[in-house]
Amino acid sequence: MPSNSEGRSISDHKPEPTLRRSLEGFRWEGVSHRPYKEAESAPFKAISRQTLFSDPRLLGELRYFEIEPGGFSTLERHEHMHAVMVLRGEGACLVAGTIRTLRQHDLVTIAPWTWHQFRAGDKERLGFLCLVNAERDRPQLPSDEDLEALTANPEIAAFLRR
């Protein structure tokens, strides 16, 4: 086994903890503020993302998303699970055929293969942490048949039209 200059094996090496200091406006030192997805890859509006933590040893990734007033994430589903905690603002989410209002510190779990979408209210940003697998499948968008089944519920139809 390779060793370092002190004679300890490299596998004994413990990396220094990382501190990402928070900055104003829900930003963090050394973290890129990026668009949510590639433009026109899927329907969404006024949303950004920041990857706060990703490490193969944990197999997870912690991201922060922020949706501007009136904006929304893509209606999609995946084979991986999500855990979402609201840090800022209020809004609503569609998860598994149910619409829920969201406020600061609410925690939403999204099971695999569950349709979901997040929407900010009209007056303030909705900001949330999202914990997912570091290696994930690509999102699946709804087919015409899926949309027809979802919008058969008038409440969901109204939510998606907003």
N, C-alpha and C. Protein backbone atom coordinates (compact mmCIF):
# COMPACT_ATOMS: atom_id res chain seq x y z
N MET A 1 0.85 -1.18 0.00
CA MET A 1 0.00 0.00 0.00
C MET A 1 0.89 1.23 0.00
N PRO A 2 0.63 2.22 -0.88
CA PRO A 2 1.43 3.44 -0.90
C PRO A 2 1.34 4.17 0.43
N SER A 3 2.41 4.89 0.77
CA SER A 3 2.41 5.65 2.02
C SER A 3 2.82 7.08 1.76
N ASN A 4 2.50 7.94 2.71
CA ASN A 4 2.89 9.34 2.58
C ASN A 4 4.25 9.55 3.23
N SER A 5 4.72 10.80 3.31
CA SER A 5 6.05 11.09 3.84
C SER A 5 6.18 10.76 5.32
N GLU A 6 5.06 10.59 6.03
CA GLU A 6 5.09 10.25 7.45
C GLU A 6 5.00 8.75 7.67
N GLY A 7 4.95 7.97 6.58
CA GLY A 7 4.89 6.52 6.70
C GLY A 7 3.49 5.97 6.90
N ARG A 8 2.47 6.82 6.90
CA ARG A 8 1.10 6.34 7.03
C ARG A 8 0.56 5.97 5.66
N SER A 9 -0.28 4.97 5.59
CA SER A 9 -0.85 4.59 4.31
C SER A 9 -1.79 5.69 3.84
N ILE A 10 -1.90 5.83 2.52
CA ILE A 10 -2.77 6.86 1.95
C ILE A 10 -4.21 6.60 2.34
N SER A 11 -4.59 5.33 2.51
CA SER A 11 -5.97 5.05 2.91
C SER A 11 -6.28 5.57 4.31
N ASP A 12 -5.24 5.83 5.12
CA ASP A 12 -5.43 6.41 6.44
C ASP A 12 -5.63 7.92 6.38
N HIS A 13 -5.36 8.50 5.21
CA HIS A 13 -5.46 9.94 5.04
C HIS A 13 -6.90 10.39 5.25
N LYS A 14 -7.08 11.37 6.09
CA LYS A 14 -8.40 11.93 6.33
C LYS A 14 -8.39 13.36 5.79
N PRO A 15 -9.18 13.63 4.75
CA PRO A 15 -9.18 14.97 4.18
C PRO A 15 -9.67 16.01 5.18
N GLU A 16 -9.17 17.21 5.03
CA GLU A 16 -9.61 18.31 5.89
C GLU A 16 -11.08 18.60 5.62
N PRO A 17 -11.84 18.92 6.65
CA PRO A 17 -13.24 19.29 6.42
C PRO A 17 -13.32 20.55 5.56
N THR A 18 -14.35 20.65 4.79
CA THR A 18 -14.57 21.81 3.93
C THR A 18 -15.62 22.69 4.58
N LEU A 19 -15.35 23.97 4.59
CA LEU A 19 -16.33 24.94 5.07
C LEU A 19 -16.69 25.84 3.91
N ARG A 20 -17.92 25.87 3.56
CA ARG A 20 -18.42 26.80 2.54
C ARG A 20 -19.24 27.85 3.27
N ARG A 21 -18.66 28.97 3.45
CA ARG A 21 -19.35 30.04 4.19
C ARG A 21 -20.53 30.56 3.38
N SER A 22 -21.61 30.84 4.09
CA SER A 22 -22.77 31.42 3.42
C SER A 22 -22.50 32.89 3.13
N LEU A 23 -23.06 33.34 2.04
CA LEU A 23 -22.95 34.73 1.62
C LEU A 23 -24.37 35.31 1.59
N GLU A 24 -24.47 36.58 1.35
CA GLU A 24 -25.80 37.20 1.25
C GLU A 24 -26.58 36.62 0.08
N GLY A 25 -27.88 36.61 0.21
CA GLY A 25 -28.75 36.23 -0.89
C GLY A 25 -28.76 34.74 -1.19
N PHE A 26 -28.55 33.88 -0.19
CA PHE A 26 -28.56 32.44 -0.38
C PHE A 26 -27.55 32.00 -1.44
N ARG A 27 -26.32 32.46 -1.23
CA ARG A 27 -25.18 32.04 -2.04
C ARG A 27 -24.13 31.52 -1.07
N TRP A 28 -23.17 30.73 -1.61
CA TRP A 28 -22.12 30.16 -0.78
C TRP A 28 -20.78 30.36 -1.46
N GLU A 29 -19.73 30.56 -0.63
CA GLU A 29 -18.37 30.73 -1.15
C GLU A 29 -17.97 29.55 -2.01
N GLY A 30 -17.38 29.83 -3.15
CA GLY A 30 -16.84 28.79 -3.99
C GLY A 30 -17.86 27.93 -4.70
N VAL A 31 -19.12 28.33 -4.70
CA VAL A 31 -20.18 27.54 -5.33
C VAL A 31 -20.74 28.34 -6.51
N SER A 32 -20.76 27.72 -7.66
CA SER A 32 -21.29 28.36 -8.86
C SER A 32 -22.81 28.46 -8.81
N HIS A 33 -23.30 29.61 -9.21
CA HIS A 33 -24.74 29.84 -9.34
C HIS A 33 -25.06 29.60 -10.80
N ARG A 34 -25.86 28.56 -11.09
CA ARG A 34 -26.08 28.13 -12.46
C ARG A 34 -27.56 28.11 -12.83
N PRO A 35 -27.80 28.06 -14.13
CA PRO A 35 -29.19 27.83 -14.56
C PRO A 35 -29.64 26.45 -14.09
N TYR A 36 -30.92 26.29 -13.91
CA TYR A 36 -31.53 25.03 -13.47
C TYR A 36 -31.19 23.88 -14.41
N LYS A 37 -31.42 24.09 -15.68
CA LYS A 37 -31.16 23.08 -16.72
C LYS A 37 -30.74 23.81 -17.98
N GLU A 38 -30.39 23.05 -18.99
CA GLU A 38 -30.11 23.64 -20.29
C GLU A 38 -31.40 24.25 -20.83
N ALA A 39 -31.29 25.41 -21.43
CA ALA A 39 -32.47 26.07 -22.00
C ALA A 39 -33.15 25.14 -23.00
N GLU A 40 -34.44 25.10 -22.92
CA GLU A 40 -35.29 24.33 -23.82
C GLU A 40 -35.14 22.82 -23.70
N SER A 41 -34.44 22.31 -22.65
CA SER A 41 -34.35 20.86 -22.46
C SER A 41 -35.66 20.30 -21.90
N ALA A 42 -36.40 21.14 -21.19
CA ALA A 42 -37.69 20.76 -20.60
C ALA A 42 -38.37 22.05 -20.14
N PRO A 43 -39.69 22.03 -20.01
CA PRO A 43 -40.38 23.26 -19.57
C PRO A 43 -40.10 23.59 -18.10
N PHE A 44 -39.63 24.80 -17.87
CA PHE A 44 -39.41 25.34 -16.53
C PHE A 44 -39.37 26.86 -16.67
N LYS A 45 -39.41 27.54 -15.53
CA LYS A 45 -39.39 29.00 -15.59
C LYS A 45 -38.72 29.58 -14.35
N ALA A 46 -37.72 30.46 -14.57
CA ALA A 46 -37.13 31.31 -13.54
C ALA A 46 -36.61 30.52 -12.34
N ILE A 47 -35.70 29.58 -12.59
CA ILE A 47 -35.16 28.75 -11.51
C ILE A 47 -33.65 28.60 -11.70
N SER A 48 -32.92 28.59 -10.59
CA SER A 48 -31.46 28.41 -10.61
C SER A 48 -31.08 27.30 -9.64
N ARG A 49 -29.81 26.85 -9.75
CA ARG A 49 -29.33 25.80 -8.85
C ARG A 49 -27.88 26.06 -8.46
N GLN A 50 -27.53 25.54 -7.29
CA GLN A 50 -26.16 25.56 -6.79
C GLN A 50 -25.89 24.18 -6.18
N THR A 51 -24.80 23.56 -6.57
CA THR A 51 -24.43 22.28 -5.96
C THR A 51 -23.53 22.59 -4.77
N LEU A 52 -24.05 22.37 -3.57
CA LEU A 52 -23.33 22.72 -2.35
C LEU A 52 -22.35 21.63 -1.93
N PHE A 53 -22.70 20.37 -2.22
CA PHE A 53 -21.87 19.26 -1.78
C PHE A 53 -22.08 18.07 -2.69
N SER A 54 -20.99 17.45 -3.10
CA SER A 54 -21.06 16.20 -3.86
C SER A 54 -19.77 15.45 -3.58
N ASP A 55 -19.89 14.22 -3.10
CA ASP A 55 -18.71 13.43 -2.77
C ASP A 55 -19.03 11.97 -3.01
N PRO A 56 -18.21 11.28 -3.80
CA PRO A 56 -18.50 9.87 -4.10
C PRO A 56 -18.50 8.97 -2.86
N ARG A 57 -17.84 9.38 -1.80
CA ARG A 57 -17.83 8.55 -0.59
C ARG A 57 -19.20 8.52 0.08
N LEU A 58 -19.98 9.55 -0.10
CA LEU A 58 -21.31 9.61 0.49
C LEU A 58 -22.39 9.12 -0.48
N LEU A 59 -22.08 9.17 -1.77
CA LEU A 59 -23.01 8.76 -2.83
C LEU A 59 -24.20 9.70 -2.95
N GLY A 60 -24.09 10.88 -2.37
CA GLY A 60 -25.18 11.83 -2.43
C GLY A 60 -24.71 13.20 -2.85
N GLU A 61 -25.67 14.04 -3.16
CA GLU A 61 -25.40 15.40 -3.58
C GLU A 61 -26.43 16.31 -2.93
N LEU A 62 -25.97 17.43 -2.39
CA LEU A 62 -26.85 18.41 -1.77
C LEU A 62 -26.85 19.65 -2.66
N ARG A 63 -28.04 20.03 -3.12
CA ARG A 63 -28.17 21.16 -4.03
C ARG A 63 -29.16 22.17 -3.46
N TYR A 64 -28.97 23.42 -3.85
CA TYR A 64 -29.92 24.48 -3.47
C TYR A 64 -30.54 25.01 -4.76
N PHE A 65 -31.87 25.02 -4.79
CA PHE A 65 -32.61 25.55 -5.92
C PHE A 65 -33.35 26.79 -5.46
N GLU A 66 -33.48 27.75 -6.36
CA GLU A 66 -34.24 28.94 -6.04
C GLU A 66 -35.13 29.28 -7.23
N ILE A 67 -36.42 29.43 -6.94
CA ILE A 67 -37.41 29.73 -7.97
C ILE A 67 -37.92 31.15 -7.75
N GLU A 68 -37.83 31.96 -8.78
CA GLU A 68 -38.31 33.34 -8.71
C GLU A 68 -39.84 33.35 -8.61
N PRO A 69 -40.42 34.45 -8.11
CA PRO A 69 -41.89 34.53 -8.03
C PRO A 69 -42.52 34.18 -9.38
N GLY A 70 -43.53 33.31 -9.34
CA GLY A 70 -44.21 32.89 -10.55
C GLY A 70 -43.50 31.81 -11.35
N GLY A 71 -42.30 31.40 -10.90
CA GLY A 71 -41.54 30.38 -11.61
C GLY A 71 -41.87 28.97 -11.15
N PHE A 72 -41.31 27.98 -11.87
CA PHE A 72 -41.58 26.59 -11.53
C PHE A 72 -40.49 25.67 -12.07
N SER A 73 -40.38 24.51 -11.44
CA SER A 73 -39.46 23.48 -11.91
C SER A 73 -40.17 22.63 -12.97
N THR A 74 -39.43 21.74 -13.57
CA THR A 74 -39.99 20.85 -14.59
C THR A 74 -40.89 19.81 -13.95
N LEU A 75 -41.99 19.50 -14.59
CA LEU A 75 -42.82 18.36 -14.18
C LEU A 75 -42.10 17.12 -14.70
N GLU A 76 -41.66 16.25 -13.77
CA GLU A 76 -40.83 15.11 -14.15
C GLU A 76 -40.89 14.02 -13.10
N ARG A 77 -40.27 12.89 -13.44
CA ARG A 77 -40.10 11.80 -12.48
C ARG A 77 -38.77 11.10 -12.80
N HIS A 78 -38.28 10.35 -11.80
CA HIS A 78 -36.98 9.67 -11.91
C HIS A 78 -37.06 8.35 -11.17
N GLU A 79 -36.00 7.54 -11.34
CA GLU A 79 -35.94 6.31 -10.55
C GLU A 79 -35.32 6.57 -9.19
N HIS A 80 -34.72 7.74 -8.97
CA HIS A 80 -34.12 8.04 -7.67
C HIS A 80 -35.08 8.84 -6.79
N MET A 81 -34.81 8.81 -5.51
CA MET A 81 -35.60 9.51 -4.50
C MET A 81 -35.04 10.92 -4.28
N HIS A 82 -35.87 11.81 -3.78
CA HIS A 82 -35.46 13.17 -3.39
C HIS A 82 -35.88 13.42 -1.95
N ALA A 83 -35.12 14.25 -1.27
CA ALA A 83 -35.54 14.85 0.00
C ALA A 83 -35.35 16.35 -0.18
N VAL A 84 -36.40 17.12 0.04
CA VAL A 84 -36.40 18.56 -0.23
C VAL A 84 -36.80 19.30 1.04
N MET A 85 -35.98 20.28 1.45
CA MET A 85 -36.31 21.11 2.61
C MET A 85 -36.35 22.57 2.18
N VAL A 86 -37.48 23.21 2.45
CA VAL A 86 -37.66 24.61 2.10
C VAL A 86 -36.88 25.47 3.08
N LEU A 87 -36.03 26.37 2.54
CA LEU A 87 -35.27 27.30 3.37
C LEU A 87 -35.80 28.72 3.29
N ARG A 88 -36.50 29.02 2.20
CA ARG A 88 -36.86 30.41 1.94
C ARG A 88 -38.20 30.48 1.21
N GLY A 89 -39.05 31.38 1.64
CA GLY A 89 -40.27 31.68 0.92
C GLY A 89 -41.38 30.66 1.10
N GLU A 90 -42.35 30.79 0.22
CA GLU A 90 -43.52 29.91 0.21
C GLU A 90 -43.85 29.55 -1.22
N GLY A 91 -44.56 28.45 -1.39
CA GLY A 91 -44.96 28.02 -2.71
C GLY A 91 -45.83 26.80 -2.60
N ALA A 92 -45.75 25.95 -3.61
CA ALA A 92 -46.54 24.72 -3.63
C ALA A 92 -45.79 23.66 -4.43
N CYS A 93 -46.15 22.42 -4.17
CA CYS A 93 -45.57 21.33 -4.94
C CYS A 93 -46.65 20.32 -5.29
N LEU A 94 -46.44 19.69 -6.42
CA LEU A 94 -47.25 18.55 -6.84
C LEU A 94 -46.37 17.33 -6.64
N VAL A 95 -46.83 16.39 -5.84
CA VAL A 95 -46.11 15.14 -5.60
C VAL A 95 -47.13 14.01 -5.56
N ALA A 96 -46.97 13.06 -6.45
CA ALA A 96 -47.82 11.85 -6.47
C ALA A 96 -49.31 12.17 -6.53
N GLY A 97 -49.68 13.12 -7.36
CA GLY A 97 -51.09 13.42 -7.52
C GLY A 97 -51.70 14.29 -6.43
N THR A 98 -50.87 14.81 -5.52
CA THR A 98 -51.36 15.66 -4.44
C THR A 98 -50.62 17.00 -4.48
N ILE A 99 -51.35 18.08 -4.32
CA ILE A 99 -50.76 19.41 -4.26
C ILE A 99 -50.67 19.84 -2.81
N ARG A 100 -49.51 20.30 -2.42
CA ARG A 100 -49.27 20.74 -1.04
C ARG A 100 -48.72 22.16 -1.05
N THR A 101 -49.16 22.97 -0.11
CA THR A 101 -48.54 24.27 0.07
C THR A 101 -47.23 24.07 0.81
N LEU A 102 -46.29 24.95 0.56
CA LEU A 102 -44.96 24.85 1.19
C LEU A 102 -44.63 26.14 1.89
N ARG A 103 -43.96 26.00 3.02
CA ARG A 103 -43.45 27.17 3.74
C ARG A 103 -42.08 26.80 4.32
N GLN A 104 -41.42 27.79 4.86
CA GLN A 104 -40.07 27.62 5.38
C GLN A 104 -39.98 26.44 6.35
N HIS A 105 -38.97 25.60 6.15
CA HIS A 105 -38.60 24.44 6.96
C HIS A 105 -39.46 23.20 6.72
N ASP A 106 -40.40 23.25 5.79
CA ASP A 106 -41.14 22.04 5.42
C ASP A 106 -40.18 21.06 4.74
N LEU A 107 -40.42 19.78 4.95
CA LEU A 107 -39.61 18.72 4.34
C LEU A 107 -40.52 17.86 3.47
N VAL A 108 -40.15 17.69 2.22
CA VAL A 108 -40.91 16.90 1.26
C VAL A 108 -40.04 15.74 0.81
N THR A 109 -40.57 14.53 0.87
CA THR A 109 -39.85 13.39 0.29
C THR A 109 -40.61 12.94 -0.95
N ILE A 110 -39.83 12.60 -1.95
CA ILE A 110 -40.41 12.21 -3.24
C ILE A 110 -39.89 10.81 -3.57
N ALA A 111 -40.80 9.87 -3.61
CA ALA A 111 -40.45 8.47 -3.88
C ALA A 111 -40.06 8.31 -5.35
N PRO A 112 -39.30 7.26 -5.67
CA PRO A 112 -38.94 7.00 -7.06
C PRO A 112 -40.19 6.89 -7.95
N TRP A 113 -40.04 7.33 -9.18
CA TRP A 113 -41.07 7.26 -10.24
C TRP A 113 -42.34 8.03 -9.89
N THR A 114 -42.19 9.10 -9.12
CA THR A 114 -43.32 9.93 -8.71
C THR A 114 -43.26 11.26 -9.47
N TRP A 115 -44.36 11.61 -10.13
CA TRP A 115 -44.42 12.92 -10.79
C TRP A 115 -44.31 14.01 -9.74
N HIS A 116 -43.49 15.04 -10.03
CA HIS A 116 -43.34 16.14 -9.08
C HIS A 116 -42.99 17.44 -9.81
N GLN A 117 -43.42 18.53 -9.19
CA GLN A 117 -43.10 19.86 -9.68
C GLN A 117 -43.20 20.84 -8.51
N PHE A 118 -42.30 21.82 -8.47
CA PHE A 118 -42.31 22.85 -7.44
C PHE A 118 -42.62 24.19 -8.10
N ARG A 119 -43.41 24.99 -7.39
CA ARG A 119 -43.78 26.32 -7.90
C ARG A 119 -43.64 27.35 -6.79
N ALA A 120 -43.04 28.50 -7.13
CA ALA A 120 -42.98 29.62 -6.20
C ALA A 120 -44.31 30.34 -6.21
N GLY A 121 -44.61 31.03 -5.12
CA GLY A 121 -45.78 31.90 -5.10
C GLY A 121 -45.55 33.11 -6.00
N ASP A 122 -46.51 34.00 -6.04
CA ASP A 122 -46.40 35.17 -6.92
C ASP A 122 -45.61 36.33 -6.32
N LYS A 123 -45.32 36.28 -5.01
CA LYS A 123 -44.72 37.45 -4.37
C LYS A 123 -43.30 37.27 -3.88
N GLU A 124 -42.86 36.03 -3.66
CA GLU A 124 -41.51 35.86 -3.13
C GLU A 124 -40.86 34.60 -3.70
N ARG A 125 -39.55 34.56 -3.60
CA ARG A 125 -38.79 33.41 -4.08
C ARG A 125 -39.04 32.20 -3.20
N LEU A 126 -38.95 31.02 -3.82
CA LEU A 126 -38.99 29.76 -3.09
C LEU A 126 -37.61 29.14 -3.21
N GLY A 127 -36.94 28.97 -2.08
CA GLY A 127 -35.60 28.38 -2.08
C GLY A 127 -35.59 27.11 -1.26
N PHE A 128 -34.96 26.05 -1.81
CA PHE A 128 -34.96 24.77 -1.10
C PHE A 128 -33.70 23.97 -1.35
N LEU A 129 -33.34 23.19 -0.32
CA LEU A 129 -32.27 22.22 -0.44
C LEU A 129 -32.85 20.94 -1.01
N CYS A 130 -32.08 20.24 -1.83
CA CYS A 130 -32.53 18.98 -2.41
C CYS A 130 -31.38 17.97 -2.27
N LEU A 131 -31.66 16.87 -1.62
CA LEU A 131 -30.69 15.80 -1.44
C LEU A 131 -31.06 14.66 -2.37
N VAL A 132 -30.10 14.27 -3.23
CA VAL A 132 -30.33 13.19 -4.20
C VAL A 132 -29.07 12.34 -4.31
N ASN A 133 -29.18 11.25 -5.03
CA ASN A 133 -28.02 10.42 -5.34
C ASN A 133 -27.04 11.24 -6.19
N ALA A 134 -25.75 11.06 -5.96
CA ALA A 134 -24.75 11.76 -6.77
C ALA A 134 -24.82 11.31 -8.22
N GLU A 135 -25.02 10.02 -8.44
CA GLU A 135 -25.22 9.50 -9.79
C GLU A 135 -26.70 9.19 -9.94
N ARG A 136 -27.33 9.90 -10.89
CA ARG A 136 -28.78 9.81 -11.03
C ARG A 136 -29.15 9.48 -12.47
N ASP A 137 -30.34 8.97 -12.62
CA ASP A 137 -30.89 8.77 -13.96
C ASP A 137 -31.38 10.10 -14.51
N ARG A 138 -31.60 10.16 -15.79
CA ARG A 138 -32.13 11.36 -16.43
C ARG A 138 -33.62 11.49 -16.12
N PRO A 139 -34.11 12.72 -16.00
CA PRO A 139 -35.53 12.89 -15.73
C PRO A 139 -36.39 12.41 -16.89
N GLN A 140 -37.54 11.90 -16.53
CA GLN A 140 -38.54 11.48 -17.53
C GLN A 140 -39.64 12.53 -17.55
N LEU A 141 -39.93 13.06 -18.72
CA LEU A 141 -41.00 14.04 -18.88
C LEU A 141 -42.31 13.31 -19.16
N PRO A 142 -43.43 13.92 -18.83
CA PRO A 142 -44.72 13.25 -19.07
C PRO A 142 -45.06 13.16 -20.56
N SER A 143 -45.61 12.04 -20.93
CA SER A 143 -46.13 11.86 -22.30
C SER A 143 -47.49 12.55 -22.37
N ASP A 144 -48.06 12.62 -23.54
CA ASP A 144 -49.42 13.18 -23.68
C ASP A 144 -50.41 12.40 -22.83
N GLU A 145 -50.25 11.07 -22.79
CA GLU A 145 -51.14 10.22 -21.99
C GLU A 145 -50.96 10.49 -20.50
N ASP A 146 -49.70 10.67 -20.07
CA ASP A 146 -49.45 10.99 -18.66
C ASP A 146 -50.10 12.31 -18.28
N LEU A 147 -49.94 13.33 -19.14
CA LEU A 147 -50.55 14.64 -18.87
C LEU A 147 -52.06 14.55 -18.84
N GLU A 148 -52.62 13.77 -19.72
CA GLU A 148 -54.08 13.60 -19.73
C GLU A 148 -54.55 12.98 -18.42
N ALA A 149 -53.82 11.97 -17.94
CA ALA A 149 -54.20 11.32 -16.67
C ALA A 149 -54.04 12.30 -15.50
N LEU A 150 -52.95 13.06 -15.47
CA LEU A 150 -52.74 14.02 -14.37
C LEU A 150 -53.79 15.12 -14.38
N THR A 151 -54.08 15.66 -15.55
CA THR A 151 -55.00 16.79 -15.63
C THR A 151 -56.47 16.38 -15.60
N ALA A 152 -56.74 15.09 -15.49
CA ALA A 152 -58.13 14.64 -15.27
C ALA A 152 -58.60 15.14 -13.90
N ASN A 153 -57.65 15.40 -13.00
CA ASN A 153 -57.95 15.99 -11.70
C ASN A 153 -57.96 17.51 -11.89
N PRO A 154 -59.10 18.19 -11.71
CA PRO A 154 -59.18 19.64 -11.96
C PRO A 154 -58.19 20.46 -11.13
N GLU A 155 -57.91 20.02 -9.91
CA GLU A 155 -56.97 20.75 -9.06
C GLU A 155 -55.56 20.70 -9.66
N ILE A 156 -55.16 19.54 -10.16
CA ILE A 156 -53.84 19.40 -10.78
C ILE A 156 -53.80 20.17 -12.10
N ALA A 157 -54.87 20.12 -12.86
CA ALA A 157 -54.94 20.87 -14.12
C ALA A 157 -54.73 22.38 -13.84
N ALA A 158 -55.38 22.90 -12.83
CA ALA A 158 -55.24 24.32 -12.47
C ALA A 158 -53.82 24.62 -12.00
N PHE A 159 -53.23 23.75 -11.21
CA PHE A 159 -51.86 23.90 -10.73
C PHE A 159 -50.90 23.99 -11.90
N LEU A 160 -51.02 23.11 -12.87
CA LEU A 160 -50.11 23.06 -14.01
C LEU A 160 -50.31 24.23 -14.97
N ARG A 161 -51.49 24.83 -14.99
CA ARG A 161 -51.77 25.98 -15.87
C ARG A 161 -51.26 27.28 -15.28
N ARG A 162 -51.08 27.36 -13.98
CA ARG A 162 -50.67 28.61 -13.33
C ARG A 162 -49.46 29.21 -13.96
